[in-house]
């Protein structure tokens, strides 16, 4: 007995609902996303052949401009919140909730503790004009950088992935870098990362030979 063939019917899927959901999600992310605030200073870092990328999280970053002004930054809003609350309590800074929130959602900070209340009351462009961005003190008589790092470590809660990065301008005076390095040494922090620009590996060097692999030769 011959088999009866069923007529083929095209399958039609209504994608209208899925498109609506996609546009709703897109609209949500556009409205809810907060962009990273601009850094207060721009630095031109020296070049190196190191290809390790700067991590996006779990870092304490010190930015040093060409004049030697030091700016402190740390990622993670909950951690930044604990940091500023601890500093406010310990040093009786008198910060209100709005000023602390400005720190939590802001960029780097580069002023001394006595001016921090006024500093956090201003908008970023006002801070530059005010003259308060003198950098965090690092000298031995008043090393507030050590205070920031200590309290930041506490706010991190013993994070094993925490990295310390120094992003210094190519023209930064060496004595300022030496003060920063001494601060880390006093805190018994031995592992640091220096942020640099990537440059090509010079041909003929050990690094170039290692990149080419064992047994390779250089053409002349």
Protein backbone atom coordinates (compact mmCIF):
# COMPACT_ATOMS: atom_id res chain seq x y z
CA UNK A 1 0.00 0.00 0.00
CA UNK A 2 1.56 3.33 -0.99
CA UNK A 3 2.47 5.84 1.73
CA UNK A 4 0.49 9.00 2.01
CA UNK A 5 2.70 12.09 1.81
CA UNK A 6 1.75 14.94 4.05
CA UNK A 7 1.80 18.36 2.48
CA UNK A 8 4.66 20.50 3.74
CA UNK A 9 3.76 23.70 5.48
CA UNK A 10 6.12 26.59 6.06
CA UNK A 11 6.77 27.47 9.70
CA UNK A 12 6.22 31.10 10.54
CA UNK A 13 7.62 32.46 13.80
CA UNK A 14 6.40 35.81 14.97
CA UNK A 15 9.50 37.74 16.09
CA UNK A 16 7.65 40.90 17.05
CA UNK A 17 7.69 40.18 20.78
CA UNK A 18 11.41 39.30 20.76
CA UNK A 19 12.28 42.53 18.91
CA UNK A 20 10.30 44.51 21.48
CA UNK A 21 12.23 42.86 24.31
CA UNK A 22 15.56 43.58 22.59
CA UNK A 23 14.76 47.26 22.17
CA UNK A 24 13.55 47.49 25.77
CA UNK A 25 16.84 46.00 26.99
CA UNK A 26 18.84 48.34 24.77
CA UNK A 27 16.93 51.34 26.09
CA UNK A 28 17.46 50.19 29.67
CA UNK A 29 21.22 49.86 29.29
CA UNK A 30 21.48 53.21 27.52
CA UNK A 31 19.66 54.96 30.36
CA UNK A 32 21.20 53.02 33.26
CA UNK A 33 24.84 52.89 32.18
CA UNK A 34 27.20 55.32 33.90
CA UNK A 35 30.37 56.18 32.03
CA UNK A 36 33.70 56.27 33.80
CA UNK A 37 34.45 59.84 34.93
CA UNK A 38 37.33 61.67 33.31
CA UNK A 39 40.63 61.63 35.15
CA UNK A 40 41.73 65.00 36.55
CA UNK A 41 45.12 64.88 34.82
CA UNK A 42 46.54 63.52 31.59
CA UNK A 43 49.91 61.81 31.72
CA UNK A 44 52.25 60.62 28.99
CA UNK A 45 53.68 57.36 30.24
CA UNK A 46 57.10 56.01 29.22
CA UNK A 47 57.32 53.17 26.71
CA UNK A 48 58.22 49.54 27.26
CA UNK A 49 57.87 46.18 25.54
CA UNK A 50 55.78 44.68 28.34
CA UNK A 51 52.49 43.34 26.93
CA UNK A 52 50.68 42.80 30.25
CA UNK A 53 47.41 44.76 30.21
CA UNK A 54 46.26 47.04 33.02
CA UNK A 55 43.49 45.15 34.89
CA UNK A 56 39.98 46.58 34.94
CA UNK A 57 39.30 45.71 38.56
CA UNK A 58 40.96 44.93 41.89
CA UNK A 59 43.54 47.69 41.56
CA UNK A 60 44.80 50.67 43.52
CA UNK A 61 46.07 53.17 40.98
CA UNK A 62 48.38 56.11 41.66
CA UNK A 63 48.57 58.65 38.85
CA UNK A 64 51.51 61.09 38.92
CA UNK A 65 51.58 64.06 36.55
CA UNK A 66 54.60 65.82 35.09
CA UNK A 67 54.77 68.20 38.08
CA UNK A 68 54.84 65.34 40.58
CA UNK A 69 51.24 65.67 41.80
CA UNK A 70 49.92 62.34 43.07
CA UNK A 71 46.30 61.26 42.51
CA UNK A 72 44.70 58.25 44.17
CA UNK A 73 42.06 55.96 42.67
CA UNK A 74 40.51 52.61 43.49
CA UNK A 75 37.81 50.64 41.66
CA UNK A 76 34.61 49.24 43.15
CA UNK A 77 31.96 51.59 44.51
CA UNK A 78 31.20 49.53 47.68
CA UNK A 79 34.92 49.52 48.51
CA UNK A 80 35.25 53.24 47.78
CA UNK A 81 32.26 53.84 50.05
CA UNK A 82 33.89 52.01 52.95
CA UNK A 83 37.18 53.81 52.32
CA UNK A 84 35.71 57.31 52.46
CA UNK A 85 33.50 56.47 55.46
CA UNK A 86 36.52 55.16 57.39
CA UNK A 87 38.59 58.23 56.54
CA UNK A 88 35.72 60.53 57.48
CA UNK A 89 35.29 58.85 60.86
CA UNK A 90 38.96 58.51 61.73
CA UNK A 91 40.06 62.02 60.73
CA UNK A 92 36.79 63.82 61.55
CA UNK A 93 36.57 65.32 58.06
CA UNK A 94 32.94 66.35 58.46
CA UNK A 95 31.85 64.98 55.09
CA UNK A 96 28.12 64.84 54.39
CA UNK A 97 26.40 62.10 52.42
CA UNK A 98 26.55 63.99 49.12
CA UNK A 99 30.27 64.66 49.44
CA UNK A 100 30.97 61.01 50.21
CA UNK A 101 28.82 59.97 47.26
CA UNK A 102 30.84 62.31 45.02
CA UNK A 103 33.92 60.36 46.03
CA UNK A 104 32.24 56.97 45.52
CA UNK A 105 31.17 57.71 41.92
CA UNK A 106 34.07 60.03 41.06
CA UNK A 107 37.50 59.60 39.56
CA UNK A 108 40.93 60.10 41.13
CA UNK A 109 41.46 62.33 44.15
CA UNK A 110 44.48 64.60 44.41
CA UNK A 111 44.35 66.85 47.48
CA UNK A 112 45.29 66.72 51.15
CA UNK A 113 42.85 65.52 53.79
CA UNK A 114 42.23 68.95 55.31
CA UNK A 115 40.87 70.20 51.97
CA UNK A 116 38.97 67.03 51.07
CA UNK A 117 35.58 68.34 52.23
CA UNK A 118 35.83 71.43 50.03
CA UNK A 119 37.33 69.37 47.20
CA UNK A 120 34.44 66.89 47.15
CA UNK A 121 31.90 69.72 47.20
CA UNK A 122 33.10 70.93 43.80
CA UNK A 123 32.53 69.72 40.27
CA UNK A 124 35.58 68.30 38.46
CA UNK A 125 36.12 71.42 36.36
CA UNK A 126 35.81 73.63 39.45
CA UNK A 127 38.51 71.63 41.24
CA UNK A 128 41.06 72.43 38.56
CA UNK A 129 40.33 76.15 38.80
CA UNK A 130 40.34 76.17 42.62
CA UNK A 131 43.99 75.23 43.01
CA UNK A 132 43.10 72.44 45.44
CA UNK A 133 44.46 69.72 43.17
CA UNK A 134 47.92 69.97 44.69
CA UNK A 135 48.31 66.22 44.86
CA UNK A 136 48.34 63.90 47.87
CA UNK A 137 51.30 64.71 50.17
CA UNK A 138 54.07 62.10 50.05
CA UNK A 139 56.89 63.71 52.03
CA UNK A 140 58.15 62.07 55.22
CA UNK A 141 56.76 64.85 57.45
CA UNK A 142 53.21 64.43 56.13
CA UNK A 143 52.86 61.24 54.12
CA UNK A 144 49.11 61.12 53.52
CA UNK A 145 49.63 58.72 50.61
CA UNK A 146 50.50 56.05 53.17
CA UNK A 147 47.19 56.77 54.91
CA UNK A 148 45.21 56.40 51.67
CA UNK A 149 46.90 53.10 50.80
CA UNK A 150 46.46 51.71 54.33
CA UNK A 151 42.75 52.51 54.46
CA UNK A 152 42.26 51.29 50.89
CA UNK A 153 43.77 47.92 51.81
CA UNK A 154 41.35 47.68 54.73
CA UNK A 155 38.43 48.53 52.44
CA UNK A 156 39.54 45.75 50.09
CA UNK A 157 39.03 43.22 52.90
CA UNK A 158 42.16 41.18 52.20
CA UNK A 159 41.44 40.83 48.48
CA UNK A 160 44.08 38.34 47.15
CA UNK A 161 43.70 39.70 43.59
CA UNK A 162 44.52 43.29 44.59
CA UNK A 163 47.23 44.92 42.48
CA UNK A 164 49.09 48.20 42.98
CA UNK A 165 49.74 50.27 39.87
CA UNK A 166 51.74 53.47 39.35
CA UNK A 167 50.95 55.53 36.26
CA UNK A 168 53.57 58.26 36.10
CA UNK A 169 54.25 60.84 33.42
CA UNK A 170 57.45 60.54 31.43
CA UNK A 171 58.54 63.92 32.85
CA UNK A 172 57.74 63.17 36.51
CA UNK A 173 60.70 64.17 38.73
CA UNK A 174 62.54 61.11 40.00
CA UNK A 175 62.51 62.23 43.69
CA UNK A 176 58.70 62.05 43.62
CA UNK A 177 58.78 58.48 42.28
CA UNK A 178 61.36 57.64 44.94
CA UNK A 179 59.02 58.95 47.67
CA UNK A 180 56.18 56.80 46.34
CA UNK A 181 58.36 53.71 46.14
CA UNK A 182 59.59 54.33 49.69
CA UNK A 183 55.99 54.56 50.87
CA UNK A 184 55.24 51.11 49.46
CA UNK A 185 58.47 49.81 50.98
CA UNK A 186 57.48 51.14 54.42
CA UNK A 187 54.13 49.36 54.04
CA UNK A 188 55.98 46.16 53.10
CA UNK A 189 54.34 46.07 49.67
CA UNK A 190 56.92 44.56 47.33
CA UNK A 191 54.99 43.87 44.13
CA UNK A 192 54.14 46.93 42.01
CA UNK A 193 53.04 47.47 38.42
CA UNK A 194 54.31 50.42 36.39
CA UNK A 195 51.91 51.52 33.64
CA UNK A 196 53.67 52.16 30.31
CA UNK A 197 52.95 52.54 26.61
CA UNK A 198 53.61 49.55 24.41
CA UNK A 199 56.48 49.79 21.95
CA UNK A 200 57.93 47.34 19.45
CA UNK A 201 60.56 44.91 20.68
CA UNK A 202 64.00 46.01 19.39
CA UNK A 203 65.35 43.41 16.93
CA UNK A 204 68.35 41.40 18.07
CA UNK A 205 67.57 41.69 21.78
CA UNK A 206 66.97 38.79 24.13
CA UNK A 207 63.27 39.66 24.24
CA UNK A 208 63.04 39.49 20.45
CA UNK A 209 64.80 36.13 20.35
CA UNK A 210 62.48 34.79 23.04
CA UNK A 211 59.48 35.95 21.02
CA UNK A 212 60.79 34.27 17.88
CA UNK A 213 61.26 31.02 19.75
CA UNK A 214 64.27 28.74 20.29
CA UNK A 215 66.46 27.97 17.34
CA UNK A 216 65.32 30.95 15.30
CA UNK A 217 67.74 33.17 13.48
CA UNK A 218 67.62 36.81 12.45
CA UNK A 219 67.81 37.68 8.78
CA UNK A 220 70.17 40.43 7.70
